[in-house]
Amino acid sequence: MEFTKTPGWLDWYAEPCNPKFKVPPGSVDAHCHVFGPGRLFPFAPERKYTPCDASKEQLFALRDHLGFDRNVIVQATCHGADNRALIDALKSSNGKARGVVTVRRSVTDAELREMHEAGVRGVRFNFVKRLVDFTPKDELMEIAARIAPLGWHVVIYFEAVDLPELWDFFTSLPTTVVVDHMGRPDVTKPVDGPEFELFLKFMREHPKVWSKVSCPERLSVTGPRALDGEQAAYRDVVPFAKKVVDTFPDRVLWGTDWPHPNLKDHMPDDGLLVDFIPHISTTPELQRKLLVDNPTRLYWS
């Protein structure tokens, strides 16, 4: 079966640079994807976009090139609730990958146990309206209750403006909750302004909430160009991510988001994304928590 990528969207960066920042031993890329290949693992009929193929072999090669030891592979919406590509990657990783899946209410307990044995440790609930159709919250809550005994967590993807209406649902979930990409803040607004302060309050008042300080390429207005060697690419995102790392050092994760679906303006160099890390996590202790201790505790303990 042939699939044609959504027009205008870019392929992943084929030749990432060697990062200047050396990640500590045992580091985890805690947010990345596999897509297809479509001839082996077809994309979902209900998908909102068709990505380029991005195989497990290419992901693991990138992991090694960037200096990471392990991956957390997150199910993307283009595959819907068909997790076969993700499970195949987990089984091929020799224990070096864990997974976050998408499931429906119809999933059986036996299927959940099989996923757990393969390395799955969470489910993803997506609330970004342009990417998914609405799933009733009672169905999501039922799924959360069923995965809780397995020790899994819920990953939530939403945009900052929607946090007030989703707050009560998120805080009622019976599991650890991991927020994708800091809830996609508007980085043109002040880091100490009311919108981002609401997100910090969300984490402050609910110790079960974690956050990924990832995807500056999706949030930035200034873009990847650094003005000099001392500044970070995506420098306008730095104050937001650094604030989260400094405030909640034991509840943060980082990931590349490879292969970066849905981007039209530019495709990030994953080596430069690694070099973003020391600007938001500024000491060896914080870097070890972000890249090693926290993801290991959540996914491998």
C-alpha atoms as a PDB file:
ATOM      1  CA  MET A   1       0.000   0.000   0.000  1.00  0.00           C
ATOM      2  CA  GLU A   2       1.334   3.412  -0.940  1.00  0.00           C
ATOM      3  CA  PHE A   3       0.902   6.518   1.194  1.00  0.00           C
ATOM      4  CA  THR A   4       1.593  10.064   0.035  1.00  0.00           C
ATOM      5  CA  LYS A   5       2.885  12.474   2.666  1.00  0.00           C
ATOM      6  CA  THR A   6       0.760  15.532   3.409  1.00  0.00           C
ATOM      7  CA  PRO A   7       1.848  18.268   0.936  1.00  0.00           C
ATOM      8  CA  GLY A   8       4.097  20.986   2.321  1.00  0.00           C
ATOM      9  CA  TRP A   9       5.278  19.057   5.371  1.00  0.00           C
ATOM     10  CA  LEU A  10       8.979  18.421   5.701  1.00  0.00           C
ATOM     11  CA  ASP A  11      10.954  15.212   5.986  1.00  0.00           C
ATOM     12  CA  TRP A  12      13.098  14.691   9.067  1.00  0.00           C
ATOM     13  CA  TYR A  13      16.624  16.115   9.121  1.00  0.00           C
ATOM     14  CA  ALA A  14      18.792  13.494   7.445  1.00  0.00           C
ATOM     15  CA  GLU A  15      22.265  14.513   8.683  1.00  0.00           C
ATOM     16  CA  PRO A  16      22.086  15.903  12.246  1.00  0.00           C
ATOM     17  CA  CYS A  17      25.256  17.481  13.578  1.00  0.00           C
ATOM     18  CA  ASN A  18      27.288  16.036  16.385  1.00  0.00           C
ATOM     19  CA  PRO A  19      26.035  17.741  19.560  1.00  0.00           C
ATOM     20  CA  LYS A  20      28.535  19.809  21.497  1.00  0.00           C
ATOM     21  CA  PHE A  21      26.755  18.846  24.710  1.00  0.00           C
ATOM     22  CA  LYS A  22      27.543  15.305  25.831  1.00  0.00           C
ATOM     23  CA  VAL A  23      24.574  13.783  27.590  1.00  0.00           C
ATOM     24  CA  PRO A  24      25.316  11.783  30.768  1.00  0.00           C
ATOM     25  CA  PRO A  25      25.548   7.975  30.603  1.00  0.00           C
ATOM     26  CA  GLY A  26      22.146   6.319  30.730  1.00  0.00           C
ATOM     27  CA  SER A  27      20.319   9.250  29.131  1.00  0.00           C
ATOM     28  CA  VAL A  28      16.824   8.722  27.705  1.00  0.00           C
ATOM     29  CA  ASP A  29      15.187  10.421  24.744  1.00  0.00           C
ATOM     30  CA  ALA A  30      11.779  10.403  26.425  1.00  0.00           C
ATOM     31  CA  HIS A  31       9.611  11.576  23.516  1.00  0.00           C
ATOM     32  CA  CYS A  32      10.014  10.244  19.978  1.00  0.00           C
ATOM     33  CA  HIS A  33       7.973   8.362  17.394  1.00  0.00           C
ATOM     34  CA  VAL A  34       8.068   5.718  14.697  1.00  0.00           C
ATOM     35  CA  PHE A  35       5.959   6.099  11.558  1.00  0.00           C
ATOM     36  CA  GLY A  36       5.297   3.000   9.509  1.00  0.00           C
ATOM     37  CA  PRO A  37       6.931   2.160   7.229  1.00  0.00           C
ATOM     38  CA  GLY A  38       3.508   2.428   5.649  1.00  0.00           C
ATOM     39  CA  ARG A  39       3.895  -0.741   3.582  1.00  0.00           C
ATOM     40  CA  LEU A  40       4.339  -2.730   6.819  1.00  0.00           C
ATOM     41  CA  PHE A  41       2.274  -0.715   9.304  1.00  0.00           C
ATOM     42  CA  PRO A  42      -0.440   1.237   7.467  1.00  0.00           C
ATOM     43  CA  PHE A  43      -1.523   4.630   8.708  1.00  0.00           C
ATOM     44  CA  ALA A  44      -4.966   5.031  10.252  1.00  0.00           C
ATOM     45  CA  PRO A  45      -7.871   5.848   7.910  1.00  0.00           C
ATOM     46  CA  GLU A  46      -9.074   8.563  10.309  1.00  0.00           C
ATOM     47  CA  ARG A  47      -5.673  10.327  10.493  1.00  0.00           C
ATOM     48  CA  LYS A  48      -5.445  14.094  10.055  1.00  0.00           C
ATOM     49  CA  TYR A  49      -2.063  13.916   8.311  1.00  0.00           C
ATOM     50  CA  THR A  50       0.188  11.435   6.530  1.00  0.00           C
ATOM     51  CA  PRO A  51       3.833  11.579   7.646  1.00  0.00           C
ATOM     52  CA  CYS A  52       6.994  10.448   5.968  1.00  0.00           C
ATOM     53  CA  ASP A  53       8.140   6.954   6.894  1.00  0.00           C
ATOM     54  CA  ALA A  54      10.395   6.928   9.964  1.00  0.00           C
ATOM     55  CA  SER A  55      11.491   3.445  10.928  1.00  0.00           C
ATOM     56  CA  LYS A  56      12.724   1.900  14.157  1.00  0.00           C
ATOM     57  CA  GLU A  57      16.145   1.381  12.564  1.00  0.00           C
ATOM     58  CA  GLN A  58      16.427   5.079  11.769  1.00  0.00           C
ATOM     59  CA  LEU A  59      15.289   6.024  15.277  1.00  0.00           C
ATOM     60  CA  PHE A  60      17.819   3.747  16.952  1.00  0.00           C
ATOM     61  CA  ALA A  61      20.597   5.062  14.690  1.00  0.00           C
ATOM     62  CA  LEU A  62      19.712   8.614  15.739  1.00  0.00           C
ATOM     63  CA  ARG A  63      19.712   7.561  19.403  1.00  0.00           C
ATOM     64  CA  ASP A  64      23.258   6.270  19.055  1.00  0.00           C
ATOM     65  CA  HIS A  65      24.438   9.280  17.056  1.00  0.00           C
ATOM     66  CA  LEU A  66      23.171  11.727  19.692  1.00  0.00           C
ATOM     67  CA  GLY A  67      24.684   9.733  22.560  1.00  0.00           C
ATOM     68  CA  PHE A  68      21.502   8.483  24.219  1.00  0.00           C
ATOM     69  CA  ASP A  69      21.116   4.994  25.653  1.00  0.00           C
ATOM     70  CA  ARG A  70      17.347   4.539  25.556  1.00  0.00           C
ATOM     71  CA  ASN A  71      14.104   5.831  24.047  1.00  0.00           C
ATOM     72  CA  VAL A  72      10.488   6.328  25.034  1.00  0.00           C
ATOM     73  CA  ILE A  73       8.409   5.909  21.887  1.00  0.00           C
ATOM     74  CA  VAL A  74       5.049   7.676  21.882  1.00  0.00           C
ATOM     75  CA  GLN A  75       2.146   6.641  19.665  1.00  0.00           C
ATOM     76  CA  ALA A  76       1.345   9.372  17.164  1.00  0.00           C
ATOM     77  CA  THR A  77      -2.122  10.211  15.902  1.00  0.00           C
ATOM     78  CA  CYS A  78      -1.352   9.137  12.330  1.00  0.00           C
ATOM     79  CA  HIS A  79      -1.450   5.509  13.499  1.00  0.00           C
ATOM     80  CA  GLY A  80      -4.579   5.970  15.624  1.00  0.00           C
ATOM     81  CA  ALA A  81      -5.040   3.119  18.100  1.00  0.00           C
ATOM     82  CA  ASP A  82      -3.121   0.654  15.927  1.00  0.00           C
ATOM     83  CA  ASN A  83       0.066   0.321  17.989  1.00  0.00           C
ATOM     84  CA  ARG A  84       1.755  -2.379  15.902  1.00  0.00           C
ATOM     85  CA  ALA A  85       4.610  -0.207  14.637  1.00  0.00           C
ATOM     86  CA  LEU A  86       5.373   0.982  18.173  1.00  0.00           C
ATOM     87  CA  ILE A  87       5.199  -2.516  19.685  1.00  0.00           C
ATOM     88  CA  ASP A  88       7.430  -3.868  16.938  1.00  0.00           C
ATOM     89  CA  ALA A  89      10.010  -1.181  17.746  1.00  0.00           C
ATOM     90  CA  LEU A  90       9.874  -1.998  21.462  1.00  0.00           C
ATOM     91  CA  LYS A  91      10.413  -5.689  20.823  1.00  0.00           C
ATOM     92  CA  SER A  92      13.389  -4.897  18.583  1.00  0.00           C
ATOM     93  CA  SER A  93      15.064  -2.568  21.090  1.00  0.00           C
ATOM     94  CA  ASN A  94      16.683  -5.183  23.376  1.00  0.00           C
ATOM     95  CA  GLY A  95      15.072  -3.530  26.382  1.00  0.00           C
ATOM     96  CA  LYS A  96      16.300  -0.054  25.428  1.00  0.00           C
ATOM     97  CA  ALA A  97      12.859   1.371  24.665  1.00  0.00           C
ATOM     98  CA  ARG A  98       9.574   1.854  26.478  1.00  0.00           C
ATOM     99  CA  GLY A  99       6.292   2.908  24.933  1.00  0.00           C
ATOM    100  CA  VAL A 100       3.217   5.097  25.348  1.00  0.00           C
ATOM    101  CA  VAL A 101       0.231   3.826  23.371  1.00  0.00           C
ATOM    102  CA  THR A 102      -3.201   4.973  22.269  1.00  0.00           C
ATOM    103  CA  VAL A 103      -6.055   2.596  23.103  1.00  0.00           C
ATOM    104  CA  ARG A 104      -9.815   2.542  22.836  1.00  0.00           C
ATOM    105  CA  ARG A 105     -12.397   1.421  25.374  1.00  0.00           C
ATOM    106  CA  SER A 106     -12.603  -1.910  23.518  1.00  0.00           C
ATOM    107  CA  VAL A 107      -9.026  -2.924  24.418  1.00  0.00           C
ATOM    108  CA  THR A 108      -8.970  -6.157  26.387  1.00  0.00           C
ATOM    109  CA  ASP A 109      -7.117  -6.817  29.617  1.00  0.00           C
ATOM    110  CA  ALA A 110      -5.119  -9.496  27.821  1.00  0.00           C
ATOM    111  CA  GLU A 111      -4.030  -6.955  25.209  1.00  0.00           C
ATOM    112  CA  LEU A 112      -2.975  -4.516  27.925  1.00  0.00           C
ATOM    113  CA  ARG A 113      -0.892  -7.221  29.599  1.00  0.00           C
ATOM    114  CA  GLU A 114       0.751  -8.090  26.282  1.00  0.00           C
ATOM    115  CA  MET A 115       1.613  -4.433  25.758  1.00  0.00           C
ATOM    116  CA  HIS A 116       3.068  -4.245  29.257  1.00  0.00           C
ATOM    117  CA  GLU A 117       5.282  -7.244  28.549  1.00  0.00           C
ATOM    118  CA  ALA A 118       6.496  -5.527  25.383  1.00  0.00           C
ATOM    119  CA  GLY A 119       7.494  -2.424  27.357  1.00  0.00           C
ATOM    120  CA  VAL A 120       4.463  -0.133  27.317  1.00  0.00           C
ATOM    121  CA  ARG A 121       4.151   2.052  30.406  1.00  0.00           C
ATOM    122  CA  GLY A 122       1.543   4.665  29.513  1.00  0.00           C
ATOM    123  CA  VAL A 123      -1.366   5.801  27.355  1.00  0.00           C
ATOM    124  CA  ARG A 124      -1.700   9.105  25.552  1.00  0.00           C
ATOM    125  CA  PHE A 125      -4.786  11.311  25.577  1.00  0.00           C
ATOM    126  CA  ASN A 126      -4.681  13.973  22.865  1.00  0.00           C
ATOM    127  CA  PHE A 127      -6.788  17.130  23.194  1.00  0.00           C
ATOM    128  CA  VAL A 128      -5.314  19.126  20.297  1.00  0.00           C
ATOM    129  CA  LYS A 129      -8.418  19.627  18.195  1.00  0.00           C
ATOM    130  CA  ARG A 130      -6.667  19.979  14.851  1.00  0.00           C
ATOM    131  CA  LEU A 131      -5.035  16.555  15.309  1.00  0.00           C
ATOM    132  CA  VAL A 132      -7.760  14.315  16.701  1.00  0.00           C
ATOM    133  CA  ASP A 133     -11.491  13.868  16.915  1.00  0.00           C
ATOM    134  CA  PHE A 134     -13.138  14.232  20.316  1.00  0.00           C
ATOM    135  CA  THR A 135     -13.128  11.173  22.602  1.00  0.00           C
ATOM    136  CA  PRO A 136     -15.705  11.242  25.437  1.00  0.00           C
ATOM    137  CA  LYS A 137     -14.063  11.948  28.775  1.00  0.00           C
ATOM    138  CA  ASP A 138     -15.908   9.063  30.425  1.00  0.00           C
ATOM    139  CA  GLU A 139     -14.188   6.704  27.988  1.00  0.00           C
ATOM    140  CA  LEU A 140     -10.789   8.229  28.771  1.00  0.00           C
ATOM    141  CA  MET A 141     -11.442   7.989  32.498  1.00  0.00           C
ATOM    142  CA  GLU A 142     -12.401   4.329  32.124  1.00  0.00           C
ATOM    143  CA  ILE A 143      -9.152   3.649  30.272  1.00  0.00           C
ATOM    144  CA  ALA A 144      -7.152   5.468  32.957  1.00  0.00           C
ATOM    145  CA  ALA A 145      -8.782   3.370  35.681  1.00  0.00           C
ATOM    146  CA  ARG A 146      -7.934   0.168  33.823  1.00  0.00           C
ATOM    147  CA  ILE A 147      -4.258   1.005  33.316  1.00  0.00           C
ATOM    148  CA  ALA A 148      -3.674   2.276  36.860  1.00  0.00           C
ATOM    149  CA  PRO A 149      -3.194  -1.232  38.350  1.00  0.00           C
ATOM    150  CA  LEU A 150      -0.442  -1.842  35.783  1.00  0.00           C
ATOM    151  CA  GLY A 151       1.488   1.141  37.135  1.00  0.00           C
ATOM    152  CA  TRP A 152       1.092   3.001  33.856  1.00  0.00           C
ATOM    153  CA  HIS A 153       0.649   6.751  33.560  1.00  0.00           C
ATOM    154  CA  VAL A 154      -1.360   9.058  31.306  1.00  0.00           C
ATOM    155  CA  VAL A 155       0.350  11.411  28.850  1.00  0.00           C
ATOM    156  CA  ILE A 156      -1.749  14.460  27.976  1.00  0.00           C
ATOM    157  CA  TYR A 157      -1.296  16.680  24.939  1.00  0.00           C
ATOM    158  CA  PHE A 158      -3.145  19.991  24.934  1.00  0.00           C
ATOM    159  CA  GLU A 159      -2.663  23.668  24.187  1.00  0.00           C
ATOM    160  CA  ALA A 160      -2.261  26.294  26.907  1.00  0.00           C
ATOM    161  CA  VAL A 161      -5.524  28.115  26.201  1.00  0.00           C
ATOM    162  CA  ASP A 162      -7.472  24.899  26.884  1.00  0.00           C
ATOM    163  CA  LEU A 163      -6.015  24.170  30.336  1.00  0.00           C
ATOM    164  CA  PRO A 164      -8.781  25.913  32.328  1.00  0.00           C
ATOM    165  CA  GLU A 165     -11.542  23.797  30.802  1.00  0.00           C
ATOM    166  CA  LEU A 166      -9.506  20.576  31.121  1.00  0.00           C
ATOM    167  CA  TRP A 167      -8.155  21.206  34.651  1.00  0.00           C
ATOM    168  CA  ASP A 168     -10.800  19.242  36.571  1.00  0.00           C
ATOM    169  CA  PHE A 169     -10.537  16.244  34.266  1.00  0.00           C
ATOM    170  CA  PHE A 170      -6.751  16.154  34.400  1.00  0.00           C
ATOM    171  CA  THR A 171      -6.615  16.426  38.180  1.00  0.00           C
ATOM    172  CA  SER A 172      -9.172  13.647  38.617  1.00  0.00           C
ATOM    173  CA  LEU A 173      -7.109  11.088  36.695  1.00  0.00           C
ATOM    174  CA  PRO A 174      -6.047   8.194  38.975  1.00  0.00           C
ATOM    175  CA  THR A 175      -2.477   7.949  37.641  1.00  0.00           C
ATOM    176  CA  THR A 176       0.676   9.975  37.275  1.00  0.00           C
ATOM    177  CA  VAL A 177       0.047  12.538  34.524  1.00  0.00           C
ATOM    178  CA  VAL A 178       2.770  13.634  32.075  1.00  0.00           C
ATOM    179  CA  VAL A 179       2.221  16.822  30.060  1.00  0.00           C
ATOM    180  CA  ASP A 180       3.609  16.954  26.541  1.00  0.00           C
ATOM    181  CA  HIS A 181       5.722  20.021  25.711  1.00  0.00           C
ATOM    182  CA  MET A 182       4.760  22.149  28.752  1.00  0.00           C
ATOM    183  CA  GLY A 183       1.190  22.385  27.475  1.00  0.00           C
ATOM    184  CA  ARG A 184       2.364  24.345  24.411  1.00  0.00           C
ATOM    185  CA  PRO A 185       2.736  27.809  25.987  1.00  0.00           C
ATOM    186  CA  ASP A 186       2.601  30.954  23.891  1.00  0.00           C
ATOM    187  CA  VAL A 187       6.222  32.065  24.254  1.00  0.00           C
ATOM    188  CA  THR A 188       5.433  35.567  22.999  1.00  0.00           C
ATOM    189  CA  LYS A 189       3.707  36.138  26.340  1.00  0.00           C
ATOM    190  CA  PRO A 190       5.668  36.789  29.564  1.00  0.00           C
ATOM    191  CA  VAL A 191       7.094  33.776  31.353  1.00  0.00           C
ATOM    192  CA  ASP A 192       5.722  35.287  34.577  1.00  0.00           C
ATOM    193  CA  GLY A 193       2.364  36.122  32.992  1.00  0.00           C
ATOM    194  CA  PRO A 194      -0.988  34.607  33.987  1.00  0.00           C
ATOM    195  CA  GLU A 195      -1.163  31.943  31.273  1.00  0.00           C
ATOM    196  CA  PHE A 196       2.132  30.227  32.094  1.00  0.00           C
ATOM    197  CA  GLU A 197       1.644  30.840  35.804  1.00  0.00           C
ATOM    198  CA  LEU A 198      -1.545  28.795  35.548  1.00  0.00           C
ATOM    199  CA  PHE A 199       0.471  25.884  34.176  1.00  0.00           C
ATOM    200  CA  LEU A 200       3.023  26.220  36.980  1.00  0.00           C
ATOM    201  CA  LYS A 201       0.151  26.284  39.480  1.00  0.00           C
ATOM    202  CA  PHE A 202      -1.204  23.115  37.874  1.00  0.00           C
ATOM    203  CA  MET A 203       2.099  21.365  38.557  1.00  0.00           C
ATOM    204  CA  ARG A 204       2.624  23.000  41.947  1.00  0.00           C
ATOM    205  CA  GLU A 205      -0.762  21.973  43.342  1.00  0.00           C
ATOM    206  CA  HIS A 206      -0.727  18.462  41.878  1.00  0.00           C
ATOM    207  CA  PRO A 207       2.478  16.536  42.634  1.00  0.00           C
ATOM    208  CA  LYS A 208       1.424  13.680  40.357  1.00  0.00           C
ATOM    209  CA  VAL A 209       1.841  15.982  37.314  1.00  0.00           C
ATOM    210  CA  TRP A 210       5.098  15.839  35.334  1.00  0.00           C
ATOM    211  CA  SER A 211       6.100  17.816  32.238  1.00  0.00           C
ATOM    212  CA  LYS A 212       8.218  17.287  29.160  1.00  0.00           C
ATOM    213  CA  VAL A 213      10.369  20.342  28.446  1.00  0.00           C
ATOM    214  CA  SER A 214      10.560  19.384  24.790  1.00  0.00           C
ATOM    215  CA  CYS A 215       9.710  20.675  21.304  1.00  0.00           C
ATOM    216  CA  PRO A 216      11.185  24.196  21.279  1.00  0.00           C
ATOM    217  CA  GLU A 217      10.963  23.991  17.488  1.00  0.00           C
ATOM    218  CA  ARG A 218       7.147  23.915  17.785  1.00  0.00           C
ATOM    219  CA  LEU A 219       6.934  26.762  20.289  1.00  0.00           C
ATOM    220  CA  SER A 220       9.594  29.197  19.125  1.00  0.00           C
ATOM    221  CA  VAL A 221       9.057  32.421  17.215  1.00  0.00           C
ATOM    222  CA  THR A 222      12.760  33.314  17.037  1.00  0.00           C
ATOM    223  CA  GLY A 223      13.576  29.943  15.461  1.00  0.00           C
ATOM    224  CA  PRO A 224      16.746  27.860  15.395  1.00  0.00           C
ATOM    225  CA  ARG A 225      19.285  30.596  14.667  1.00  0.00           C
ATOM    226  CA  ALA A 226      21.569  31.477  17.589  1.00  0.00           C
ATOM    227  CA  LEU A 227      23.004  34.975  17.503  1.00  0.00           C
ATOM    228  CA  ASP A 228      26.346  33.840  18.897  1.00  0.00           C
ATOM    229  CA  GLY A 229      27.972  30.779  20.384  1.00  0.00           C
ATOM    230  CA  GLU A 230      26.697  31.526  23.858  1.00  0.00           C
ATOM    231  CA  GLN A 231      23.023  31.712  22.969  1.00  0.00           C
ATOM    232  CA  ALA A 232      20.675  28.811  22.432  1.00  0.00           C
ATOM    233  CA  ALA A 233      18.765  28.041  19.313  1.00  0.00           C
ATOM    234  CA  TYR A 234      15.065  28.631  20.004  1.00  0.00           C
ATOM    235  CA  ARG A 235      16.187  31.099  22.667  1.00  0.00           C
ATOM    236  CA  ASP A 236      12.667  32.459  23.297  1.00  0.00           C
ATOM    237  CA  VAL A 237      11.631  29.044  24.677  1.00  0.00           C
ATOM    238  CA  VAL A 238      14.542  28.874  27.139  1.00  0.00           C
ATOM    239  CA  PRO A 239      12.963  30.920  29.994  1.00  0.00           C
ATOM    240  CA  PHE A 240       9.827  28.742  29.967  1.00  0.00           C
ATOM    241  CA  ALA A 241      11.603  25.385  29.942  1.00  0.00           C
ATOM    242  CA  LYS A 242      14.239  26.534  32.438  1.00  0.00           C
ATOM    243  CA  LYS A 243      11.512  27.710  34.816  1.00  0.00           C
ATOM    244  CA  VAL A 244       9.894  24.276  34.780  1.00  0.00           C
ATOM    245  CA  VAL A 245      13.209  22.447  35.249  1.00  0.00           C
ATOM    246  CA  ASP A 246      14.311  24.711  38.099  1.00  0.00           C
ATOM    247  CA  THR A 247      10.945  24.539  39.865  1.00  0.00           C
ATOM    248  CA  PHE A 248      10.161  20.840  39.418  1.00  0.00           C
ATOM    249  CA  PRO A 249      13.536  19.113  38.892  1.00  0.00           C
ATOM    250  CA  ASP A 250      12.238  15.678  39.877  1.00  0.00           C
ATOM    251  CA  ARG A 251       9.228  15.767  37.525  1.00  0.00           C
ATOM    252  CA  VAL A 252      10.656  16.771  34.163  1.00  0.00           C
ATOM    253  CA  LEU A 253      11.545  14.809  31.037  1.00  0.00           C
ATOM    254  CA  TRP A 254      13.154  15.705  27.706  1.00  0.00           C
ATOM    255  CA  GLY A 255      12.808  14.268  24.219  1.00  0.00           C
ATOM    256  CA  THR A 256      13.673  15.032  20.615  1.00  0.00           C
ATOM    257  CA  ASP A 257      10.158  14.513  19.183  1.00  0.00           C
ATOM    258  CA  TRP A 258      11.849  12.854  16.191  1.00  0.00           C
ATOM    259  CA  PRO A 259      10.807  12.705  13.374  1.00  0.00           C
ATOM    260  CA  HIS A 260       9.012  16.005  14.043  1.00  0.00           C
ATOM    261  CA  PRO A 261       5.698  15.588  12.186  1.00  0.00           C
ATOM    262  CA  ASN A 262       3.524  18.438  10.926  1.00  0.00           C
ATOM    263  CA  LEU A 263       6.308  20.996  10.477  1.00  0.00           C
ATOM    264  CA  LYS A 264       6.309  23.314   7.455  1.00  0.00           C
ATOM    265  CA  ASP A 265       8.641  26.207   8.304  1.00  0.00           C
ATOM    266  CA  HIS A 266      11.818  24.313   9.119  1.00  0.00           C
ATOM    267  CA  MET A 267      12.958  20.866  10.164  1.00  0.00           C
ATOM    268  CA  PRO A 268      15.139  20.913  13.292  1.00  0.00           C
ATOM    269  CA  ASP A 269      18.622  19.508  13.431  1.00  0.00           C
ATOM    270  CA  ASP A 270      18.399  17.012  16.290  1.00  0.00           C
ATOM    271  CA  GLY A 271      22.001  17.715  17.254  1.00  0.00           C
ATOM    272  CA  LEU A 272      21.066  21.354  17.894  1.00  0.00           C
ATOM    273  CA  LEU A 273      18.103  20.214  19.964  1.00  0.00           C
ATOM    274  CA  VAL A 274      20.520  18.336  22.222  1.00  0.00           C
ATOM    275  CA  ASP A 275      22.596  21.509  22.518  1.00  0.00           C
ATOM    276  CA  PHE A 276      19.444  23.262  23.773  1.00  0.00           C
ATOM    277  CA  ILE A 277      19.525  21.097  26.932  1.00  0.00           C
ATOM    278  CA  PRO A 278      22.281  22.858  28.953  1.00  0.00           C
ATOM    279  CA  HIS A 279      20.507  26.197  28.465  1.00  0.00           C
ATOM    280  CA  ILE A 280      17.394  24.915  30.245  1.00  0.00           C
ATOM    281  CA  SER A 281      19.048  22.466  32.643  1.00  0.00           C
ATOM    282  CA  THR A 282      22.129  24.280  33.780  1.00  0.00           C
ATOM    283  CA  THR A 283      23.966  22.000  36.212  1.00  0.00           C
ATOM    284  CA  PRO A 284      25.193  18.403  36.005  1.00  0.00           C
ATOM    285  CA  GLU A 285      22.796  17.473  38.806  1.00  0.00           C
ATOM    286  CA  LEU A 286      19.785  18.907  36.998  1.00  0.00           C
ATOM    287  CA  GLN A 287      20.889  17.344  33.716  1.00  0.00           C
ATOM    288  CA  ARG A 288      21.175  13.908  35.297  1.00  0.00           C
ATOM    289  CA  LYS A 289      17.690  14.216  36.797  1.00  0.00           C
ATOM    290  CA  LEU A 290      16.186  15.389  33.512  1.00  0.00           C
ATOM    291  CA  LEU A 291      17.853  12.850  31.260  1.00  0.00           C
ATOM    292  CA  VAL A 292      18.585   9.811  33.438  1.00  0.00           C
ATOM    293  CA  ASP A 293      16.999   9.636  36.878  1.00  0.00           C
ATOM    294  CA  ASN A 294      13.488  10.854  36.101  1.00  0.00           C
ATOM    295  CA  PRO A 295      12.817   8.804  32.946  1.00  0.00           C
ATOM    296  CA  THR A 296      14.405   5.736  34.523  1.00  0.00           C
ATOM    297  CA  ARG A 297      12.155   6.045  37.571  1.00  0.00           C
ATOM    298  CA  LEU A 298       9.041   6.509  35.462  1.00  0.00           C
ATOM    299  CA  TYR A 299       9.685   3.919  32.739  1.00  0.00           C
ATOM    300  CA  TRP A 300      12.147   1.312  33.989  1.00  0.00           C
ATOM    301  CA  SER A 301      11.556   0.962  37.744  1.00  0.00           C
END
